[in-house]
Amino acid sequence: MDHIVEQVLAKIRQREHQSYEVDYSSEGLVPDQGVYTDYANVTIDNVTIPLLANIYRLNLDDSWTKWILQGISFQVNFTFQISSSMVNFIPKKMLLDWPVSFVVDQKRAVTSFYQKAISRSDLATLPDKSIVVVTPNQKLTGEAEQISQLKQMIIQMRTDENCIWHE
């Protein structure tokens, strides 16, 4: 019995360090569900605005949405590769609350914060060249502005809490 437990624990440890990358295509088939048991980290390239809208609205008629939601239930860490022009199409709630990451041009993390005052320590933990989405009721402290310049971050002002397509 101990041998079986050791094998299961070894598989779990191995899974945590395994990554899987797939290109999204609305016409293509979703990957096999076996991805969840072998990989803890999944990157989806070429994510589109309609896919984001389907995921956000929990459109279970869309096979990719169902596959991603099932992966989340298996504690898969999803990274969505998007273009810089798509940042305004990400609902702020997805940035704040969803267990997915957004990356622009395969290197720029997209993030946001709840608090009204964003401090130096908030930005210091982010990777260089990150994109930080803020709303008019949020302000960066003076030190946060300095660190954002030093780390070459893009501070993207959102006119309201919602994205372009969300009401």
Protein backbone atom coordinates (compact mmCIF):
# COMPACT_ATOMS: atom_id res chain seq x y z
CA MET A 1 0.00 0.00 0.00
CA ASP A 2 2.86 2.40 0.79
CA HIS A 3 4.26 1.80 -2.68
CA ILE A 4 0.98 2.93 -4.30
CA VAL A 5 0.85 6.05 -2.12
CA GLU A 6 4.43 6.87 -3.09
CA GLN A 7 3.57 6.50 -6.78
CA VAL A 8 0.54 8.78 -6.45
CA LEU A 9 2.56 11.41 -4.59
CA ALA A 10 5.32 11.21 -7.19
CA LYS A 11 2.75 11.72 -9.97
CA ILE A 12 1.30 14.75 -8.16
CA ARG A 13 4.76 16.28 -7.67
CA GLN A 14 5.62 15.65 -11.32
CA ARG A 15 2.32 17.20 -12.48
CA GLU A 16 3.03 20.43 -10.59
CA HIS A 17 6.08 21.07 -12.77
CA GLN A 18 4.58 19.98 -16.09
CA SER A 19 3.31 22.54 -18.59
CA TYR A 20 1.11 22.15 -21.63
CA GLU A 21 0.60 24.69 -24.41
CA VAL A 22 -2.22 24.71 -26.94
CA ASP A 23 -3.37 27.07 -29.71
CA TYR A 24 -6.98 28.14 -29.42
CA SER A 25 -9.12 27.74 -32.50
CA SER A 26 -12.88 28.17 -32.42
CA GLU A 27 -13.07 25.53 -35.16
CA GLY A 28 -10.58 23.16 -33.55
CA LEU A 29 -11.14 20.37 -31.09
CA VAL A 30 -10.44 20.94 -27.43
CA PRO A 31 -7.57 18.97 -25.91
CA ASP A 32 -8.22 15.69 -24.18
CA GLN A 33 -9.26 15.76 -20.52
CA GLY A 34 -6.15 13.73 -19.74
CA VAL A 35 -4.26 17.03 -19.86
CA TYR A 36 -5.62 17.78 -16.37
CA THR A 37 -4.03 14.74 -14.78
CA ASP A 38 -0.64 15.24 -16.44
CA TYR A 39 -0.24 19.02 -16.38
CA ALA A 40 -0.87 21.58 -13.65
CA ASN A 41 -0.03 24.54 -15.91
CA VAL A 42 -1.80 25.11 -19.22
CA THR A 43 -1.13 28.00 -21.60
CA ILE A 44 -3.69 28.79 -24.26
CA ASP A 45 -2.29 30.83 -27.14
CA ASN A 46 -4.31 33.04 -29.46
CA VAL A 47 -7.18 33.58 -27.02
CA THR A 48 -9.91 35.63 -28.67
CA ILE A 49 -12.49 38.10 -27.42
CA PRO A 50 -15.40 35.71 -28.12
CA LEU A 51 -13.67 33.01 -26.05
CA LEU A 52 -13.22 35.44 -23.14
CA ALA A 53 -16.88 36.43 -23.38
CA ASN A 54 -17.97 32.78 -23.44
CA ILE A 55 -15.85 31.93 -20.41
CA TYR A 56 -17.02 34.97 -18.47
CA ARG A 57 -20.65 34.25 -19.23
CA LEU A 58 -20.15 30.52 -18.49
CA ASN A 59 -21.45 29.58 -21.93
CA LEU A 60 -21.53 25.80 -21.54
CA ASP A 61 -22.55 25.39 -25.17
CA ASP A 62 -18.97 26.31 -26.08
CA SER A 63 -16.67 23.28 -25.87
CA TRP A 64 -13.57 25.37 -24.99
CA THR A 65 -15.44 27.06 -22.13
CA LYS A 66 -16.52 23.69 -20.75
CA TRP A 67 -12.96 22.36 -21.07
CA ILE A 68 -11.42 25.37 -19.30
CA LEU A 69 -14.00 25.36 -16.50
CA GLN A 70 -13.41 21.65 -15.94
CA GLY A 71 -9.67 22.31 -15.83
CA ILE A 72 -10.20 24.98 -13.20
CA SER A 73 -12.07 22.42 -11.10
CA PHE A 74 -8.97 20.19 -11.42
CA GLN A 75 -6.86 23.10 -10.11
CA VAL A 76 -5.13 23.67 -13.42
CA ASN A 77 -3.32 27.02 -13.63
CA PHE A 78 -4.41 28.60 -16.91
CA THR A 79 -2.49 31.33 -18.71
CA PHE A 80 -4.28 33.09 -21.55
CA GLN A 81 -1.96 34.57 -24.17
CA ILE A 82 -3.63 37.68 -25.60
CA SER A 83 -2.76 40.65 -27.79
CA SER A 84 -2.24 44.08 -26.23
CA SER A 85 -5.38 45.39 -27.91
CA MET A 86 -7.46 42.86 -25.95
CA VAL A 87 -6.68 44.25 -22.48
CA ASN A 88 -9.76 46.49 -22.51
CA PHE A 89 -11.88 43.43 -23.27
CA ILE A 90 -10.93 41.59 -20.06
CA PRO A 91 -13.57 42.11 -17.37
CA LYS A 92 -11.87 43.49 -14.26
CA LYS A 93 -13.60 40.78 -12.23
CA MET A 94 -11.69 38.19 -14.29
CA LEU A 95 -8.42 39.98 -13.53
CA LEU A 96 -9.21 40.13 -9.83
CA ASP A 97 -11.18 36.99 -9.04
CA TRP A 98 -10.76 34.32 -11.69
CA PRO A 99 -8.05 31.67 -11.24
CA VAL A 100 -6.49 32.47 -14.63
CA SER A 101 -3.57 34.64 -15.70
CA PHE A 102 -3.40 36.94 -18.69
CA VAL A 103 -0.18 37.56 -20.59
CA VAL A 104 0.40 39.94 -23.50
CA ASP A 105 3.03 39.15 -26.13
CA GLN A 106 4.21 36.13 -24.13
CA LYS A 107 5.96 38.33 -21.56
CA ARG A 108 3.74 41.04 -20.05
CA ALA A 109 1.54 39.97 -17.16
CA VAL A 110 -1.81 41.78 -16.90
CA THR A 111 -3.09 42.47 -13.40
CA SER A 112 -5.32 44.71 -11.35
CA PHE A 113 -5.94 45.54 -7.70
CA TYR A 114 -8.94 45.98 -5.40
CA GLN A 115 -7.64 48.81 -3.23
CA LYS A 116 -8.04 52.48 -4.08
CA ALA A 117 -4.41 53.35 -3.30
CA ILE A 118 -1.86 51.21 -5.15
CA SER A 119 1.46 51.28 -3.37
CA ARG A 120 5.09 50.65 -4.22
CA SER A 121 4.96 47.24 -2.54
CA ASP A 122 1.98 46.23 -4.71
CA LEU A 123 3.90 46.92 -7.91
CA ALA A 124 7.30 45.73 -6.66
CA THR A 125 6.10 42.11 -6.61
CA LEU A 126 5.01 42.21 -10.26
CA PRO A 127 7.27 41.26 -13.16
CA ASP A 128 8.94 44.03 -15.16
CA LYS A 129 6.89 45.40 -18.07
CA SER A 130 3.60 44.27 -16.52
CA ILE A 131 0.34 45.91 -17.54
CA VAL A 132 -1.65 47.21 -14.57
CA VAL A 133 -5.33 47.98 -15.17
CA VAL A 134 -6.67 50.77 -12.97
CA THR A 135 -9.92 52.71 -12.78
CA PRO A 136 -10.40 56.45 -12.17
CA ASN A 137 -11.17 55.81 -8.49
CA GLN A 138 -7.77 54.15 -8.02
CA LYS A 139 -4.55 56.13 -7.59
CA LEU A 140 -0.90 55.16 -7.57
CA THR A 141 1.17 56.54 -4.72
CA GLY A 142 4.21 58.62 -5.67
CA GLU A 143 6.51 55.71 -4.90
CA ALA A 144 4.29 53.39 -6.96
CA GLU A 145 4.60 55.73 -9.94
CA GLN A 146 8.38 55.69 -9.55
CA ILE A 147 8.58 51.89 -9.40
CA SER A 148 6.22 51.59 -12.38
CA GLN A 149 8.58 53.72 -14.44
CA LEU A 150 11.64 51.86 -13.19
CA LYS A 151 10.05 48.51 -14.06
CA GLN A 152 8.73 49.84 -17.39
CA MET A 153 5.15 49.01 -16.50
CA ILE A 154 2.14 50.15 -18.48
CA ILE A 155 -0.59 51.68 -16.34
CA GLN A 156 -3.77 51.26 -18.36
CA MET A 157 -6.69 53.41 -17.27
CA ARG A 158 -10.10 51.77 -17.54
CA THR A 159 -12.96 54.28 -17.64
CA ASP A 160 -15.07 52.06 -15.38
CA GLU A 161 -15.00 48.69 -13.67
CA ASN A 162 -16.33 46.84 -16.71
CA CYS A 163 -14.65 46.00 -19.96
CA ILE A 164 -15.81 47.30 -23.33
CA TRP A 165 -18.44 44.60 -23.95
CA HIS A 166 -19.66 43.98 -20.41
CA GLU A 167 -22.57 46.01 -19.05
